Amino acid sequence: MAEGGSGSNNANVDTIKSERAVWLMKCPPVVSQCLSSSPTSDSPRPVAKVIVSLDPLLSNDDDDSPPQFTMELAGTESGHVPKCYSMDMSKDFIPMAVFSQSSEGRTAVEGKILHKFDMKPHNENMQDYGKLCRERTNKYMTKNRQIQVIDNDNGSHMRPMPGIIITSAVSDKKKTASKGSEMKRTRRDRGEMEEILFKLFERQPNWTLRQLIQETDQPEQYLKDLLKDLCVYNNKGTNQGTYELKPEYKRSNEEPTPK
C-alpha cells in the first residue's frame, strides 16, 4: 500500500496478513489472565500448548469423529487453577476477521477466523475448577469493612436536632391502649342477653355481627355463641352475611298478646 502523510496512514488499512488463519477462543477469565501474562525472564517461554487428537483409521472428511482439541496451560501450579481444558470447535459461525490498531493509530488486518472454540475445564479438572469458582464467589461476597476515626466531633450527629419530636413510641402506646380498651367488654348474664337480642330482632329481622356488637357492647366470641343457639346465619340470598332468629323463636315472638 502506498504511504503518504500521517492522515493518509491513519485512513489506510494494512491487509498483508488478511489471509492468515486465526483461531477464536472463548475462554474463562482465569485462562485469559494466564495467556496475557508476560514472562518474567528475557527469553520468551510458551504459556500453553494445544494437543490435537486424530483417529488415523478415519478419513479427514468423516464428520462423525472430528479431531479433538485440548489445551494445557503452563505455570498454573498456584491455587486451584485448572491446567487442562477441552476446546469444543464450532462448525457454524459467521465469517469474521481480526483487526488491530497500533499506538500511532494504524489499523491492520491480522487474519481471518478459521475455527471458533469454546473452552471448558477438562473432566479431570472439574473439582479444582469448582473450588476456584467458590473462592471467587466468596471473595466478591465478602464486604470490606473500614473503621474511620472522626476528629473534632462533639457528638452533634448523634443528637436530635432542635424542633424534632420523636412521636413514634408515644403514638404506639396510645394505639395499644385504645385497642386494649376496645377489647375489654363486660359479659352480661345469658338470660339478660337473650332478652336484649329478642328486642333487637323485633326492631328488624336481620342483623350483621358487627351491628350486634355495636348494639350490645359484648365480646365477639360470647355473642357468636349466643347467636349460634338463637339464630340462623344466611350464607346466600338477599340477606347474605346476616343473622335472623330461628323459626321457633320467631313464632313465639310473633304470637299475639291475649286480651
C-alpha atoms as a PDB file:
ATOM      1  CA  MET A   1       0.000   0.000   0.000  1.00  0.00           C
ATOM      2  CA  ALA A   2       1.234   3.463  -0.788  1.00  0.00           C
ATOM      3  CA  GLU A   3       2.353   5.583   2.154  1.00  0.00           C
ATOM      4  CA  GLY A   4       1.571   9.296   2.373  1.00  0.00           C
ATOM      5  CA  GLY A   5       1.165  11.789   5.186  1.00  0.00           C
ATOM      6  CA  SER A   6       0.099  10.955   8.720  1.00  0.00           C
ATOM      7  CA  GLY A   7      -3.553  11.477   7.834  1.00  0.00           C
ATOM      8  CA  SER A   8      -3.413   9.010   4.931  1.00  0.00           C
ATOM      9  CA  ASN A   9      -1.618   6.418   7.110  1.00  0.00           C
ATOM     10  CA  ASN A  10      -4.467   6.513   9.626  1.00  0.00           C
ATOM     11  CA  ALA A  11      -7.051   6.136   6.863  1.00  0.00           C
ATOM     12  CA  ASN A  12      -5.384   3.133   5.152  1.00  0.00           C
ATOM     13  CA  VAL A  13      -5.692  -0.456   6.404  1.00  0.00           C
ATOM     14  CA  ASP A  14      -2.748  -2.868   6.213  1.00  0.00           C
ATOM     15  CA  THR A  15      -4.001  -6.113   4.596  1.00  0.00           C
ATOM     16  CA  ILE A  16      -0.742  -8.034   4.265  1.00  0.00           C
ATOM     17  CA  LYS A  17      -1.863 -10.639   6.855  1.00  0.00           C
ATOM     18  CA  SER A  18      -5.511 -10.741   5.776  1.00  0.00           C
ATOM     19  CA  GLU A  19      -5.293 -14.382   4.583  1.00  0.00           C
ATOM     20  CA  ARG A  20      -3.612 -15.686   7.723  1.00  0.00           C
ATOM     21  CA  ALA A  21      -5.698 -18.288   9.583  1.00  0.00           C
ATOM     22  CA  VAL A  22      -6.633 -17.292  13.140  1.00  0.00           C
ATOM     23  CA  TRP A  23      -8.404 -19.231  15.892  1.00  0.00           C
ATOM     24  CA  LEU A  24     -11.075 -17.514  18.001  1.00  0.00           C
ATOM     25  CA  MET A  25     -11.383 -18.909  21.524  1.00  0.00           C
ATOM     26  CA  LYS A  26     -13.990 -18.135  24.155  1.00  0.00           C
ATOM     27  CA  CYS A  27     -12.167 -18.882  27.390  1.00  0.00           C
ATOM     28  CA  PRO A  28     -12.737 -18.408  31.153  1.00  0.00           C
ATOM     29  CA  PRO A  29     -11.191 -15.293  32.777  1.00  0.00           C
ATOM     30  CA  VAL A  30      -8.516 -17.358  34.532  1.00  0.00           C
ATOM     31  CA  VAL A  31      -7.269 -18.663  31.165  1.00  0.00           C
ATOM     32  CA  SER A  32      -7.239 -15.168  29.704  1.00  0.00           C
ATOM     33  CA  GLN A  33      -5.095 -13.958  32.614  1.00  0.00           C
ATOM     34  CA  CYS A  34      -2.611 -16.803  32.140  1.00  0.00           C
ATOM     35  CA  LEU A  35      -2.326 -16.234  28.388  1.00  0.00           C
ATOM     36  CA  SER A  36      -1.888 -12.458  28.701  1.00  0.00           C
ATOM     37  CA  SER A  37       0.687 -12.641  31.497  1.00  0.00           C
ATOM     38  CA  SER A  38       4.122 -11.557  30.326  1.00  0.00           C
ATOM     39  CA  PRO A  39       7.128 -13.811  31.025  1.00  0.00           C
ATOM     40  CA  THR A  40       9.447 -12.754  33.857  1.00  0.00           C
ATOM     41  CA  SER A  41      12.669 -13.674  32.041  1.00  0.00           C
ATOM     42  CA  ASP A  42      14.117 -12.154  28.882  1.00  0.00           C
ATOM     43  CA  SER A  43      13.738 -15.375  26.895  1.00  0.00           C
ATOM     44  CA  PRO A  44      10.077 -15.912  25.977  1.00  0.00           C
ATOM     45  CA  ARG A  45       8.537 -19.204  27.043  1.00  0.00           C
ATOM     46  CA  PRO A  46       5.306 -20.837  25.813  1.00  0.00           C
ATOM     47  CA  VAL A  47       2.306 -20.108  28.021  1.00  0.00           C
ATOM     48  CA  ALA A  48       0.240 -23.055  26.726  1.00  0.00           C
ATOM     49  CA  LYS A  49       0.202 -25.900  24.236  1.00  0.00           C
ATOM     50  CA  VAL A  50      -2.635 -27.307  22.121  1.00  0.00           C
ATOM     51  CA  ILE A  51      -2.934 -31.065  21.629  1.00  0.00           C
ATOM     52  CA  VAL A  52      -4.854 -32.323  18.566  1.00  0.00           C
ATOM     53  CA  SER A  53      -6.112 -35.908  18.749  1.00  0.00           C
ATOM     54  CA  LEU A  54      -6.858 -37.659  15.434  1.00  0.00           C
ATOM     55  CA  ASP A  55      -8.103 -41.127  14.587  1.00  0.00           C
ATOM     56  CA  PRO A  56      -5.765 -42.478  11.871  1.00  0.00           C
ATOM     57  CA  LEU A  57      -8.311 -45.063  10.760  1.00  0.00           C
ATOM     58  CA  LEU A  58     -10.851 -42.429   9.719  1.00  0.00           C
ATOM     59  CA  SER A  59     -10.658 -40.095   6.761  1.00  0.00           C
ATOM     60  CA  ASN A  60     -10.353 -36.355   7.166  1.00  0.00           C
ATOM     61  CA  ASP A  61     -13.832 -35.817   5.679  1.00  0.00           C
ATOM     62  CA  ASP A  62     -15.565 -38.026   8.258  1.00  0.00           C
ATOM     63  CA  ASP A  63     -17.833 -35.743  10.342  1.00  0.00           C
ATOM     64  CA  ASP A  64     -18.727 -38.487  12.841  1.00  0.00           C
ATOM     65  CA  SER A  65     -15.320 -38.317  14.508  1.00  0.00           C
ATOM     66  CA  PRO A  66     -13.873 -34.788  14.261  1.00  0.00           C
ATOM     67  CA  PRO A  67     -10.434 -34.046  15.722  1.00  0.00           C
ATOM     68  CA  GLN A  68     -10.329 -33.387  19.472  1.00  0.00           C
ATOM     69  CA  PHE A  69      -8.533 -30.270  20.740  1.00  0.00           C
ATOM     70  CA  THR A  70      -7.100 -29.946  24.249  1.00  0.00           C
ATOM     71  CA  MET A  71      -5.136 -27.041  25.762  1.00  0.00           C
ATOM     72  CA  GLU A  72      -2.665 -27.364  28.633  1.00  0.00           C
ATOM     73  CA  LEU A  73      -1.559 -24.198  30.432  1.00  0.00           C
ATOM     74  CA  ALA A  74       1.930 -23.659  31.735  1.00  0.00           C
ATOM     75  CA  GLY A  75       2.673 -22.170  35.153  1.00  0.00           C
ATOM     76  CA  THR A  76      -0.668 -22.839  36.902  1.00  0.00           C
ATOM     77  CA  GLU A  77       0.677 -24.605  39.978  1.00  0.00           C
ATOM     78  CA  SER A  78      -0.679 -21.939  42.357  1.00  0.00           C
ATOM     79  CA  GLY A  79      -4.191 -22.203  43.790  1.00  0.00           C
ATOM     80  CA  HIS A  80      -6.915 -24.320  42.184  1.00  0.00           C
ATOM     81  CA  VAL A  81      -6.398 -23.073  38.616  1.00  0.00           C
ATOM     82  CA  PRO A  82      -7.102 -26.000  36.250  1.00  0.00           C
ATOM     83  CA  LYS A  83      -4.288 -26.870  33.881  1.00  0.00           C
ATOM     84  CA  CYS A  84      -6.113 -28.864  31.198  1.00  0.00           C
ATOM     85  CA  TYR A  85      -9.063 -27.578  29.119  1.00  0.00           C
ATOM     86  CA  SER A  86     -11.257 -29.072  26.408  1.00  0.00           C
ATOM     87  CA  MET A  87     -11.781 -26.996  23.256  1.00  0.00           C
ATOM     88  CA  ASP A  88     -15.146 -27.574  21.570  1.00  0.00           C
ATOM     89  CA  MET A  89     -14.941 -26.473  17.953  1.00  0.00           C
ATOM     90  CA  SER A  90     -17.974 -24.751  16.423  1.00  0.00           C
ATOM     91  CA  LYS A  91     -18.717 -25.607  12.801  1.00  0.00           C
ATOM     92  CA  ASP A  92     -21.304 -22.925  12.083  1.00  0.00           C
ATOM     93  CA  PHE A  93     -20.248 -19.335  12.684  1.00  0.00           C
ATOM     94  CA  ILE A  94     -20.302 -16.036  10.818  1.00  0.00           C
ATOM     95  CA  PRO A  95     -17.130 -15.333   8.785  1.00  0.00           C
ATOM     96  CA  MET A  96     -15.049 -12.829  10.730  1.00  0.00           C
ATOM     97  CA  ALA A  97     -11.673 -11.112  10.586  1.00  0.00           C
ATOM     98  CA  VAL A  98      -9.301  -9.826  13.280  1.00  0.00           C
ATOM     99  CA  PHE A  99      -8.188  -6.181  13.261  1.00  0.00           C
ATOM    100  CA  SER A 100      -5.554  -4.379  15.312  1.00  0.00           C
ATOM    101  CA  GLN A 101      -4.641  -0.758  15.907  1.00  0.00           C
ATOM    102  CA  SER A 102      -1.194   0.476  16.897  1.00  0.00           C
ATOM    103  CA  SER A 103      -0.413   3.297  19.283  1.00  0.00           C
ATOM    104  CA  GLU A 104       0.185   5.539  16.268  1.00  0.00           C
ATOM    105  CA  GLY A 105      -3.373   4.855  15.084  1.00  0.00           C
ATOM    106  CA  ARG A 106      -2.528   2.485  12.221  1.00  0.00           C
ATOM    107  CA  THR A 107      -5.141  -0.211  11.527  1.00  0.00           C
ATOM    108  CA  ALA A 108      -4.177  -3.649  10.208  1.00  0.00           C
ATOM    109  CA  VAL A 109      -5.907  -6.926   9.403  1.00  0.00           C
ATOM    110  CA  GLU A 110      -4.314  -9.704  11.469  1.00  0.00           C
ATOM    111  CA  GLY A 111      -6.136 -12.570   9.766  1.00  0.00           C
ATOM    112  CA  LYS A 112      -9.467 -14.282   9.235  1.00  0.00           C
ATOM    113  CA  ILE A 113     -11.192 -16.634  11.671  1.00  0.00           C
ATOM    114  CA  LEU A 114     -10.682 -20.253  10.611  1.00  0.00           C
ATOM    115  CA  HIS A 115     -12.005 -22.050  13.717  1.00  0.00           C
ATOM    116  CA  LYS A 116     -14.059 -20.965  16.722  1.00  0.00           C
ATOM    117  CA  PHE A 117     -13.647 -22.755  20.043  1.00  0.00           C
ATOM    118  CA  ASP A 118     -15.489 -22.786  23.370  1.00  0.00           C
ATOM    119  CA  MET A 119     -13.188 -23.729  26.227  1.00  0.00           C
ATOM    120  CA  LYS A 120     -14.199 -25.566  29.378  1.00  0.00           C
ATOM    121  CA  PRO A 121     -12.192 -27.360  32.094  1.00  0.00           C
ATOM    122  CA  HIS A 122     -11.324 -30.942  31.325  1.00  0.00           C
ATOM    123  CA  ASN A 123     -13.270 -33.626  33.195  1.00  0.00           C
ATOM    124  CA  GLU A 124     -10.296 -34.417  35.414  1.00  0.00           C
ATOM    125  CA  ASN A 125     -10.050 -30.758  36.485  1.00  0.00           C
ATOM    126  CA  MET A 126     -13.738 -30.074  37.257  1.00  0.00           C
ATOM    127  CA  GLN A 127     -13.211 -30.450  41.009  1.00  0.00           C
ATOM    128  CA  ASP A 128     -10.394 -27.866  41.047  1.00  0.00           C
ATOM    129  CA  TYR A 129     -12.423 -25.527  38.856  1.00  0.00           C
ATOM    130  CA  GLY A 130     -15.384 -25.808  41.253  1.00  0.00           C
ATOM    131  CA  LYS A 131     -13.126 -24.818  44.164  1.00  0.00           C
ATOM    132  CA  LEU A 132     -11.844 -21.861  42.150  1.00  0.00           C
ATOM    133  CA  CYS A 133     -15.399 -20.650  41.422  1.00  0.00           C
ATOM    134  CA  ARG A 134     -16.379 -20.929  45.096  1.00  0.00           C
ATOM    135  CA  GLU A 135     -13.297 -18.968  46.182  1.00  0.00           C
ATOM    136  CA  ARG A 136     -14.067 -16.245  43.632  1.00  0.00           C
ATOM    137  CA  THR A 137     -17.710 -16.052  44.753  1.00  0.00           C
ATOM    138  CA  ASN A 138     -16.745 -15.809  48.442  1.00  0.00           C
ATOM    139  CA  LYS A 139     -14.213 -13.103  47.629  1.00  0.00           C
ATOM    140  CA  TYR A 140     -16.782 -10.873  45.921  1.00  0.00           C
ATOM    141  CA  MET A 141     -19.434 -11.532  48.599  1.00  0.00           C
ATOM    142  CA  THR A 142     -17.138 -10.526  51.472  1.00  0.00           C
ATOM    143  CA  LYS A 143     -17.609  -6.870  52.357  1.00  0.00           C
ATOM    144  CA  ASN A 144     -14.537  -4.813  53.127  1.00  0.00           C
ATOM    145  CA  ARG A 145     -15.291  -3.045  56.398  1.00  0.00           C
ATOM    146  CA  GLN A 146     -13.386   0.050  57.403  1.00  0.00           C
ATOM    147  CA  ILE A 147     -13.048   1.841  60.729  1.00  0.00           C
ATOM    148  CA  GLN A 148     -12.908   5.609  60.420  1.00  0.00           C
ATOM    149  CA  VAL A 149     -11.976   7.882  63.305  1.00  0.00           C
ATOM    150  CA  ILE A 150     -13.897  11.180  63.386  1.00  0.00           C
ATOM    151  CA  ASP A 151     -11.781  14.007  64.664  1.00  0.00           C
ATOM    152  CA  ASN A 152     -13.112  17.155  66.377  1.00  0.00           C
ATOM    153  CA  ASP A 153     -16.609  15.768  66.733  1.00  0.00           C
ATOM    154  CA  ASN A 154     -18.759  16.843  69.672  1.00  0.00           C
ATOM    155  CA  GLY A 155     -21.470  14.238  69.133  1.00  0.00           C
ATOM    156  CA  SER A 156     -23.829  16.519  67.203  1.00  0.00           C
ATOM    157  CA  HIS A 157     -24.532  13.786  64.634  1.00  0.00           C
ATOM    158  CA  MET A 158     -25.856  11.540  67.400  1.00  0.00           C
ATOM    159  CA  ARG A 159     -28.252  14.072  68.947  1.00  0.00           C
ATOM    160  CA  PRO A 160     -31.672  15.026  67.556  1.00  0.00           C
ATOM    161  CA  MET A 161     -31.782  18.487  66.060  1.00  0.00           C
ATOM    162  CA  PRO A 162     -33.848  21.223  67.787  1.00  0.00           C
ATOM    163  CA  GLY A 163     -37.514  21.102  66.887  1.00  0.00           C
ATOM    164  CA  ILE A 164     -37.557  17.352  66.117  1.00  0.00           C
ATOM    165  CA  ILE A 165     -40.012  15.419  68.302  1.00  0.00           C
ATOM    166  CA  ILE A 166     -39.881  11.636  68.351  1.00  0.00           C
ATOM    167  CA  THR A 167     -43.538  10.579  68.481  1.00  0.00           C
ATOM    168  CA  SER A 168     -43.373   7.004  67.256  1.00  0.00           C
ATOM    169  CA  ALA A 169     -43.132   5.452  70.718  1.00  0.00           C
ATOM    170  CA  VAL A 170     -45.878   7.680  72.146  1.00  0.00           C
ATOM    171  CA  SER A 171     -48.245   7.001  69.259  1.00  0.00           C
ATOM    172  CA  ASP A 172     -47.625   3.245  69.528  1.00  0.00           C
ATOM    173  CA  LYS A 173     -48.519   3.333  73.229  1.00  0.00           C
ATOM    174  CA  LYS A 174     -51.714   5.260  72.517  1.00  0.00           C
ATOM    175  CA  LYS A 175     -52.721   2.785  69.798  1.00  0.00           C
ATOM    176  CA  THR A 176     -52.058  -0.158  72.120  1.00  0.00           C
ATOM    177  CA  ALA A 177     -54.063   1.432  74.938  1.00  0.00           C
ATOM    178  CA  SER A 178     -57.037   2.250  72.701  1.00  0.00           C
ATOM    179  CA  LYS A 179     -57.008  -1.249  71.229  1.00  0.00           C
ATOM    180  CA  GLY A 180     -56.974  -2.770  74.692  1.00  0.00           C
ATOM    181  CA  SER A 181     -59.917  -0.626  75.830  1.00  0.00           C
ATOM    182  CA  GLU A 182     -61.932  -1.757  72.811  1.00  0.00           C
ATOM    183  CA  MET A 183     -61.317  -5.421  73.584  1.00  0.00           C
ATOM    184  CA  LYS A 184     -62.317  -5.144  77.267  1.00  0.00           C
ATOM    185  CA  ARG A 185     -66.079  -5.679  77.276  1.00  0.00           C
ATOM    186  CA  THR A 186     -68.102  -6.900  80.266  1.00  0.00           C
ATOM    187  CA  ARG A 187     -70.208 -10.003  79.628  1.00  0.00           C
ATOM    188  CA  ARG A 188     -73.840  -9.712  80.573  1.00  0.00           C
ATOM    189  CA  ASP A 189     -75.940 -12.515  82.011  1.00  0.00           C
ATOM    190  CA  ARG A 190     -77.148 -15.005  79.383  1.00  0.00           C
ATOM    191  CA  GLY A 191     -80.821 -14.526  80.207  1.00  0.00           C
ATOM    192  CA  GLU A 192     -80.461 -10.746  80.029  1.00  0.00           C
ATOM    193  CA  MET A 193     -78.629 -11.002  76.709  1.00  0.00           C
ATOM    194  CA  GLU A 194     -81.346 -13.223  75.220  1.00  0.00           C
ATOM    195  CA  GLU A 195     -83.981 -10.620  76.076  1.00  0.00           C
ATOM    196  CA  ILE A 196     -81.840  -7.853  74.509  1.00  0.00           C
ATOM    197  CA  LEU A 197     -81.362  -9.907  71.325  1.00  0.00           C
ATOM    198  CA  PHE A 198     -85.099 -10.685  71.044  1.00  0.00           C
ATOM    199  CA  LYS A 199     -85.912  -6.970  71.303  1.00  0.00           C
ATOM    200  CA  LEU A 200     -83.311  -6.143  68.644  1.00  0.00           C
ATOM    201  CA  PHE A 201     -84.771  -8.724  66.259  1.00  0.00           C
ATOM    202  CA  GLU A 202     -88.239  -7.318  66.909  1.00  0.00           C
ATOM    203  CA  ARG A 203     -86.921  -3.970  65.680  1.00  0.00           C
ATOM    204  CA  GLN A 204     -85.549  -5.502  62.438  1.00  0.00           C
ATOM    205  CA  PRO A 205     -85.388  -9.142  61.297  1.00  0.00           C
ATOM    206  CA  ASN A 206     -81.759  -9.224  60.062  1.00  0.00           C
ATOM    207  CA  TRP A 207     -78.543  -8.075  61.742  1.00  0.00           C
ATOM    208  CA  THR A 208     -74.861  -8.406  60.952  1.00  0.00           C
ATOM    209  CA  LEU A 209     -72.404  -9.496  63.625  1.00  0.00           C
ATOM    210  CA  ARG A 210     -70.690  -6.105  63.603  1.00  0.00           C
ATOM    211  CA  GLN A 211     -74.015  -4.324  64.130  1.00  0.00           C
ATOM    212  CA  LEU A 212     -74.940  -6.573  67.044  1.00  0.00           C
ATOM    213  CA  ILE A 213     -71.550  -5.981  68.705  1.00  0.00           C
ATOM    214  CA  GLN A 214     -72.092  -2.231  68.454  1.00  0.00           C
ATOM    215  CA  GLU A 215     -75.649  -2.510  69.839  1.00  0.00           C
ATOM    216  CA  THR A 216     -74.882  -4.864  72.723  1.00  0.00           C
ATOM    217  CA  ASP A 217     -71.233  -3.938  73.514  1.00  0.00           C
ATOM    218  CA  GLN A 218     -70.455  -7.617  74.182  1.00  0.00           C
ATOM    219  CA  PRO A 219     -67.349  -9.718  73.403  1.00  0.00           C
ATOM    220  CA  GLU A 220     -67.421 -11.099  69.879  1.00  0.00           C
ATOM    221  CA  GLN A 221     -66.942 -14.768  70.775  1.00  0.00           C
ATOM    222  CA  TYR A 222     -69.583 -14.634  73.542  1.00  0.00           C
ATOM    223  CA  LEU A 223     -72.044 -13.055  71.127  1.00  0.00           C
ATOM    224  CA  LYS A 224     -71.294 -15.670  68.477  1.00  0.00           C
ATOM    225  CA  ASP A 225     -72.114 -18.474  70.946  1.00  0.00           C
ATOM    226  CA  LEU A 226     -75.463 -16.871  71.740  1.00  0.00           C
ATOM    227  CA  LEU A 227     -76.318 -16.320  68.073  1.00  0.00           C
ATOM    228  CA  LYS A 228     -75.442 -19.933  67.283  1.00  0.00           C
ATOM    229  CA  ASP A 229     -78.202 -21.083  69.698  1.00  0.00           C
ATOM    230  CA  LEU A 230     -80.819 -18.457  68.805  1.00  0.00           C
ATOM    231  CA  CYS A 231     -80.265 -17.530  65.159  1.00  0.00           C
ATOM    232  CA  VAL A 232     -79.595 -18.779  61.652  1.00  0.00           C
ATOM    233  CA  TYR A 233     -76.746 -17.365  59.567  1.00  0.00           C
ATOM    234  CA  ASN A 234     -77.619 -16.549  55.952  1.00  0.00           C
ATOM    235  CA  ASN A 235     -74.869 -17.719  53.591  1.00  0.00           C
ATOM    236  CA  LYS A 236     -76.661 -16.616  50.414  1.00  0.00           C
ATOM    237  CA  GLY A 237     -79.633 -14.683  49.165  1.00  0.00           C
ATOM    238  CA  THR A 238     -80.580 -11.053  49.612  1.00  0.00           C
ATOM    239  CA  ASN A 239     -79.754 -11.192  53.359  1.00  0.00           C
ATOM    240  CA  GLN A 240     -76.346 -12.814  52.895  1.00  0.00           C
ATOM    241  CA  GLY A 241     -73.977 -12.254  55.800  1.00  0.00           C
ATOM    242  CA  THR A 242     -76.713 -11.518  58.374  1.00  0.00           C
ATOM    243  CA  TYR A 243     -78.327 -13.339  61.288  1.00  0.00           C
ATOM    244  CA  GLU A 244     -82.062 -13.924  61.797  1.00  0.00           C
ATOM    245  CA  LEU A 245     -83.974 -15.717  64.532  1.00  0.00           C
ATOM    246  CA  LYS A 246     -84.697 -19.411  64.234  1.00  0.00           C
ATOM    247  CA  PRO A 247     -88.300 -20.270  63.252  1.00  0.00           C
ATOM    248  CA  GLU A 248     -89.258 -21.455  66.748  1.00  0.00           C
ATOM    249  CA  TYR A 249     -88.225 -18.138  68.293  1.00  0.00           C
ATOM    250  CA  LYS A 250     -89.972 -16.221  65.545  1.00  0.00           C
ATOM    251  CA  ARG A 251     -93.263 -17.954  66.282  1.00  0.00           C
ATOM    252  CA  SER A 252     -93.039 -17.296  69.989  1.00  0.00           C
ATOM    253  CA  ASN A 253     -92.257 -13.616  69.421  1.00  0.00           C
ATOM    254  CA  GLU A 254     -94.971 -13.153  66.775  1.00  0.00           C
ATOM    255  CA  GLU A 255     -97.796 -14.713  68.883  1.00  0.00           C
ATOM    256  CA  PRO A 256    -100.393 -12.012  69.670  1.00  0.00           C
ATOM    257  CA  THR A 257    -100.785 -10.937  73.220  1.00  0.00           C
ATOM    258  CA  PRO A 258    -104.103 -12.387  74.655  1.00  0.00           C
ATOM    259  CA  LYS A 259    -106.668  -9.783  75.522  1.00  0.00           C
END
